[in-house]
C-alpha atoms as a PDB file:
ATOM      1  CA  MET A   1     -61.133 -57.218  26.577  1.00  0.00           C
ATOM      2  CA  ASN A   2     -58.161 -57.431  28.922  1.00  0.00           C
ATOM      3  CA  ARG A   3     -55.388 -54.849  29.131  1.00  0.00           C
ATOM      4  CA  GLN A   4     -52.907 -56.868  27.099  1.00  0.00           C
ATOM      5  CA  ALA A   5     -55.354 -57.408  24.227  1.00  0.00           C
ATOM      6  CA  PHE A   6     -56.254 -53.720  24.282  1.00  0.00           C
ATOM      7  CA  ALA A   7     -52.578 -52.719  24.175  1.00  0.00           C
ATOM      8  CA  LEU A   8     -51.976 -55.018  21.190  1.00  0.00           C
ATOM      9  CA  LEU A   9     -55.017 -53.625  19.389  1.00  0.00           C
ATOM     10  CA  LEU A  10     -53.772 -50.099  20.010  1.00  0.00           C
ATOM     11  CA  LEU A  11     -50.207 -50.898  18.975  1.00  0.00           C
ATOM     12  CA  PHE A  12     -50.951 -52.750  15.746  1.00  0.00           C
ATOM     13  CA  PHE A  13     -54.142 -51.156  14.446  1.00  0.00           C
ATOM     14  CA  VAL A  14     -55.002 -47.779  15.935  1.00  0.00           C
ATOM     15  CA  LEU A  15     -51.554 -46.139  16.125  1.00  0.00           C
ATOM     16  CA  PRO A  16     -50.558 -46.989  12.540  1.00  0.00           C
ATOM     17  CA  LEU A  17     -53.794 -45.391  11.289  1.00  0.00           C
ATOM     18  CA  GLY A  18     -53.095 -42.234  13.265  1.00  0.00           C
ATOM     19  CA  LEU A  19     -49.488 -42.080  12.114  1.00  0.00           C
ATOM     20  CA  SER A  20     -50.438 -42.548   8.477  1.00  0.00           C
ATOM     21  CA  SER A  21     -52.955 -39.693   8.646  1.00  0.00           C
ATOM     22  CA  LEU A  22     -50.354 -37.530  10.407  1.00  0.00           C
ATOM     23  CA  ALA A  23     -47.839 -38.325   7.664  1.00  0.00           C
ATOM     24  CA  ALA A  24     -50.442 -37.515   4.992  1.00  0.00           C
ATOM     25  CA  SER A  25     -51.200 -34.221   6.727  1.00  0.00           C
ATOM     26  CA  GLN A  26     -47.509 -33.311   6.874  1.00  0.00           C
ATOM     27  CA  ALA A  27     -47.022 -34.311   3.230  1.00  0.00           C
ATOM     28  CA  SER A  28     -49.948 -32.095   2.267  1.00  0.00           C
ATOM     29  CA  ALA A  29     -48.462 -29.153   4.178  1.00  0.00           C
ATOM     30  CA  ALA A  30     -45.062 -29.770   2.622  1.00  0.00           C
ATOM     31  CA  GLN A  31     -46.547 -29.634  -0.882  1.00  0.00           C
ATOM     32  CA  LYS A  32     -47.860 -26.092  -0.506  1.00  0.00           C
ATOM     33  CA  TRP A  33     -44.312 -24.688  -0.151  1.00  0.00           C
ATOM     34  CA  VAL A  34     -41.198 -25.803  -1.981  1.00  0.00           C
ATOM     35  CA  GLN A  35     -37.749 -24.547  -1.003  1.00  0.00           C
ATOM     36  CA  SER A  36     -35.396 -24.170  -3.954  1.00  0.00           C
ATOM     37  CA  GLY A  37     -32.110 -22.643  -2.831  1.00  0.00           C
ATOM     38  CA  ARG A  38     -32.903 -19.156  -1.559  1.00  0.00           C
ATOM     39  CA  VAL A  39     -36.337 -19.163  -3.217  1.00  0.00           C
ATOM     40  CA  LEU A  40     -39.540 -20.218  -1.460  1.00  0.00           C
ATOM     41  CA  VAL A  41     -42.174 -21.270  -4.003  1.00  0.00           C
ATOM     42  CA  ILE A  42     -45.743 -21.116  -2.712  1.00  0.00           C
ATOM     43  CA  GLY A  43     -48.206 -23.544  -4.271  1.00  0.00           C
ATOM     44  CA  ASN A  44     -51.865 -23.799  -3.269  1.00  0.00           C
ATOM     45  CA  ASP A  45     -52.006 -22.431   0.263  1.00  0.00           C
ATOM     46  CA  ARG A  46     -55.252 -22.044   2.212  1.00  0.00           C
ATOM     47  CA  GLY A  47     -53.607 -20.210   5.115  1.00  0.00           C
ATOM     48  CA  GLY A  48     -52.814 -21.098   8.696  1.00  0.00           C
ATOM     49  CA  LEU A  49     -52.131 -19.552  12.062  1.00  0.00           C
ATOM     50  CA  LEU A  50     -51.356 -15.829  11.911  1.00  0.00           C
ATOM     51  CA  LYS A  51     -48.599 -15.908  14.521  1.00  0.00           C
ATOM     52  CA  ASP A  52     -46.702 -18.655  12.673  1.00  0.00           C
ATOM     53  CA  ARG A  53     -47.109 -16.980   9.286  1.00  0.00           C
ATOM     54  CA  ALA A  54     -46.037 -13.583  10.659  1.00  0.00           C
ATOM     55  CA  ARG A  55     -42.842 -15.146  12.043  1.00  0.00           C
ATOM     56  CA  LEU A  56     -42.081 -16.820   8.726  1.00  0.00           C
ATOM     57  CA  VAL A  57     -42.649 -13.650   6.677  1.00  0.00           C
ATOM     58  CA  GLU A  58     -40.434 -11.643   9.054  1.00  0.00           C
ATOM     59  CA  GLN A  59     -37.682 -14.265   8.684  1.00  0.00           C
ATOM     60  CA  LEU A  60     -37.993 -14.160   4.883  1.00  0.00           C
ATOM     61  CA  ARG A  61     -37.746 -10.358   4.966  1.00  0.00           C
ATOM     62  CA  ARG A  62     -34.686 -10.434   7.253  1.00  0.00           C
ATOM     63  CA  ASP A  63     -32.939 -13.028   5.070  1.00  0.00           C
ATOM     64  CA  GLY A  64     -33.886 -11.234   1.839  1.00  0.00           C
ATOM     65  CA  ARG A  65     -35.161 -14.508   0.409  1.00  0.00           C
ATOM     66  CA  LYS A  66     -37.276 -14.499  -2.725  1.00  0.00           C
ATOM     67  CA  VAL A  67     -40.892 -15.672  -2.531  1.00  0.00           C
ATOM     68  CA  GLU A  68     -42.722 -16.840  -5.643  1.00  0.00           C
ATOM     69  CA  ILE A  69     -46.487 -17.246  -5.246  1.00  0.00           C
ATOM     70  CA  ARG A  70     -47.362 -19.639  -8.066  1.00  0.00           C
ATOM     71  CA  GLY A  71     -50.319 -21.763  -6.938  1.00  0.00           C
ATOM     72  CA  ASN A  72     -53.913 -21.495  -8.097  1.00  0.00           C
ATOM     73  CA  LEU A  73     -54.926 -20.012  -4.754  1.00  0.00           C
ATOM     74  CA  CYS A  74     -53.419 -18.131  -1.857  1.00  0.00           C
ATOM     75  CA  LEU A  75     -55.990 -17.656   0.888  1.00  0.00           C
ATOM     76  CA  SER A  76     -56.142 -16.109   4.322  1.00  0.00           C
ATOM     77  CA  SER A  77     -52.725 -15.884   6.017  1.00  0.00           C
ATOM     78  CA  CYS A  78     -51.045 -16.964   2.754  1.00  0.00           C
ATOM     79  CA  THR A  79     -51.671 -13.399   1.556  1.00  0.00           C
ATOM     80  CA  MET A  80     -49.151 -12.251   4.173  1.00  0.00           C
ATOM     81  CA  PHE A  81     -46.422 -13.514   1.808  1.00  0.00           C
ATOM     82  CA  LEU A  82     -47.237 -10.422  -0.276  1.00  0.00           C
ATOM     83  CA  GLY A  83     -45.384  -8.535   2.457  1.00  0.00           C
ATOM     84  CA  ALA A  84     -42.117 -10.346   1.786  1.00  0.00           C
ATOM     85  CA  ARG A  85     -39.413  -7.976   0.582  1.00  0.00           C
ATOM     86  CA  ASN A  86     -38.717  -9.881  -2.659  1.00  0.00           C
ATOM     87  CA  VAL A  87     -41.990 -11.373  -3.951  1.00  0.00           C
ATOM     88  CA  CYS A  88     -43.541 -12.159  -7.310  1.00  0.00           C
ATOM     89  CA  VAL A  89     -47.007 -13.485  -8.139  1.00  0.00           C
ATOM     90  CA  ASN A  90     -48.519 -15.639 -10.843  1.00  0.00           C
ATOM     91  CA  PRO A  91     -51.141 -13.622 -12.765  1.00  0.00           C
ATOM     92  CA  ASN A  92     -53.566 -16.564 -12.499  1.00  0.00           C
ATOM     93  CA  THR A  93     -53.328 -17.019  -8.729  1.00  0.00           C
ATOM     94  CA  VAL A  94     -56.504 -16.099  -6.838  1.00  0.00           C
ATOM     95  CA  PHE A  95     -55.766 -14.307  -3.566  1.00  0.00           C
ATOM     96  CA  GLY A  96     -58.438 -14.447  -0.863  1.00  0.00           C
ATOM     97  CA  PHE A  97     -58.341 -11.753   1.817  1.00  0.00           C
ATOM     98  CA  HIS A  98     -60.338 -11.632   5.042  1.00  0.00           C
ATOM     99  CA  GLY A  99     -59.873 -10.305   8.527  1.00  0.00           C
ATOM    100  CA  PRO A 100     -58.614 -12.086  11.613  1.00  0.00           C
ATOM    101  CA  SER A 101     -60.942 -14.305  13.598  1.00  0.00           C
ATOM    102  CA  SER A 102     -60.839 -17.171  16.030  1.00  0.00           C
ATOM    103  CA  TYR A 103     -61.835 -20.056  13.775  1.00  0.00           C
ATOM    104  CA  GLY A 104     -64.577 -17.981  12.152  1.00  0.00           C
ATOM    105  CA  ARG A 105     -65.719 -16.206  15.316  1.00  0.00           C
ATOM    106  CA  PRO A 106     -65.187 -12.448  15.783  1.00  0.00           C
ATOM    107  CA  LEU A 107     -62.331 -11.318  18.013  1.00  0.00           C
ATOM    108  CA  PRO A 108     -62.585  -8.660  20.724  1.00  0.00           C
ATOM    109  CA  ARG A 109     -61.916  -5.225  19.182  1.00  0.00           C
ATOM    110  CA  ASP A 110     -58.383  -4.805  20.574  1.00  0.00           C
ATOM    111  CA  GLN A 111     -57.304  -8.244  19.308  1.00  0.00           C
ATOM    112  CA  PHE A 112     -59.029  -7.647  15.962  1.00  0.00           C
ATOM    113  CA  ASP A 113     -57.094  -4.393  15.483  1.00  0.00           C
ATOM    114  CA  PHE A 114     -53.815  -5.941  16.635  1.00  0.00           C
ATOM    115  CA  TRP A 115     -54.032  -8.957  14.294  1.00  0.00           C
ATOM    116  CA  SER A 116     -55.299  -6.817  11.400  1.00  0.00           C
ATOM    117  CA  ASN A 117     -52.127  -4.762  11.735  1.00  0.00           C
ATOM    118  CA  VAL A 118     -49.960  -7.888  11.964  1.00  0.00           C
ATOM    119  CA  MET A 119     -51.565  -9.271   8.797  1.00  0.00           C
ATOM    120  CA  SER A 120     -51.058  -6.119   6.758  1.00  0.00           C
ATOM    121  CA  ARG A 121     -48.009  -4.390   8.240  1.00  0.00           C
ATOM    122  CA  ASN A 122     -45.687  -5.369   5.380  1.00  0.00           C
ATOM    123  CA  PHE A 123     -48.172  -4.843   2.539  1.00  0.00           C
ATOM    124  CA  PRO A 124     -47.491  -2.004   0.085  1.00  0.00           C
ATOM    125  CA  ALA A 125     -49.385   1.154   1.130  1.00  0.00           C
ATOM    126  CA  LYS A 126     -52.265   0.870  -1.366  1.00  0.00           C
ATOM    127  CA  LEU A 127     -52.970  -2.789  -0.536  1.00  0.00           C
ATOM    128  CA  ARG A 128     -52.669  -2.108   3.190  1.00  0.00           C
ATOM    129  CA  GLY A 129     -55.123   0.788   2.886  1.00  0.00           C
ATOM    130  CA  VAL A 130     -57.792  -1.321   1.172  1.00  0.00           C
ATOM    131  CA  PHE A 131     -57.259  -4.196   3.591  1.00  0.00           C
ATOM    132  CA  MET A 132     -57.532  -1.986   6.687  1.00  0.00           C
ATOM    133  CA  ALA A 133     -60.496   0.036   5.375  1.00  0.00           C
ATOM    134  CA  SER A 134     -62.574  -2.831   4.046  1.00  0.00           C
ATOM    135  CA  TRP A 135     -61.327  -6.387   3.594  1.00  0.00           C
ATOM    136  CA  ARG A 136     -60.370  -7.015   7.221  1.00  0.00           C
ATOM    137  CA  HIS A 137     -64.012  -6.628   8.221  1.00  0.00           C
ATOM    138  CA  ARG A 138     -64.937  -9.752   6.306  1.00  0.00           C
ATOM    139  CA  ILE A 139     -64.555 -12.969   8.298  1.00  0.00           C
ATOM    140  CA  ASP A 140     -67.013 -15.142   6.369  1.00  0.00           C
ATOM    141  CA  GLY A 141     -65.514 -15.903   2.989  1.00  0.00           C
ATOM    142  CA  TYR A 142     -62.948 -13.903   1.058  1.00  0.00           C
ATOM    143  CA  GLU A 143     -62.422 -10.756  -0.942  1.00  0.00           C
ATOM    144  CA  SER A 144     -60.916 -12.261  -4.090  1.00  0.00           C
ATOM    145  CA  VAL A 145     -58.192 -10.549  -6.111  1.00  0.00           C
ATOM    146  CA  SER A 146     -56.301 -12.051  -9.036  1.00  0.00           C
ATOM    147  CA  GLY A 147     -52.550 -12.061  -9.381  1.00  0.00           C
ATOM    148  CA  ALA A 148     -53.059 -10.022 -12.567  1.00  0.00           C
ATOM    149  CA  GLN A 149     -54.794  -7.294 -10.529  1.00  0.00           C
ATOM    150  CA  LEU A 150     -51.920  -7.254  -8.041  1.00  0.00           C
ATOM    151  CA  ILE A 151     -49.396  -7.064 -10.883  1.00  0.00           C
ATOM    152  CA  ARG A 152     -51.232  -4.004 -12.207  1.00  0.00           C
ATOM    153  CA  GLN A 153     -50.783  -2.495  -8.723  1.00  0.00           C
ATOM    154  CA  GLY A 154     -47.025  -2.990  -8.854  1.00  0.00           C
ATOM    155  CA  PHE A 155     -46.265  -6.559  -7.812  1.00  0.00           C
ATOM    156  CA  ARG A 156     -43.775  -8.394 -10.014  1.00  0.00           C
ATOM    157  CA  SER A 157     -45.026 -11.229 -12.219  1.00  0.00           C
ATOM    158  CA  CYS A 158     -43.437 -14.683 -12.084  1.00  0.00           C
END
């Protein structure tokens, strides 16, 4: 195949496939959060990069924006939204906690401690205590807690 034929193949067949999967990926990410005025509604959220989530939660805290966690599940770094200043949870949401890792691999001790603190620094004291004593040591799977359990610990229901 000559260069021109290859370029045409790339332009008309390969790139559109890549762009459509990128668009689908972005649409999927957009569906897990919905902005409604000064309220951020969290749908099903399986987590993401700690640094990005920490920045977002800090911004939400600074702005005093309300966060409503309403999806069926809130896993991994999604649980950091519990540290927002003005947050409510759906009693039926399942929250999945685990400690920091590098794509499932353990971190060096200093990084593990640093990111554990980043993850939990805005949690209420009781939740932070349990996370730091126990849940952060789990990197394979999740420690599951229902929204109803969190409401009994003082979180507002929504």
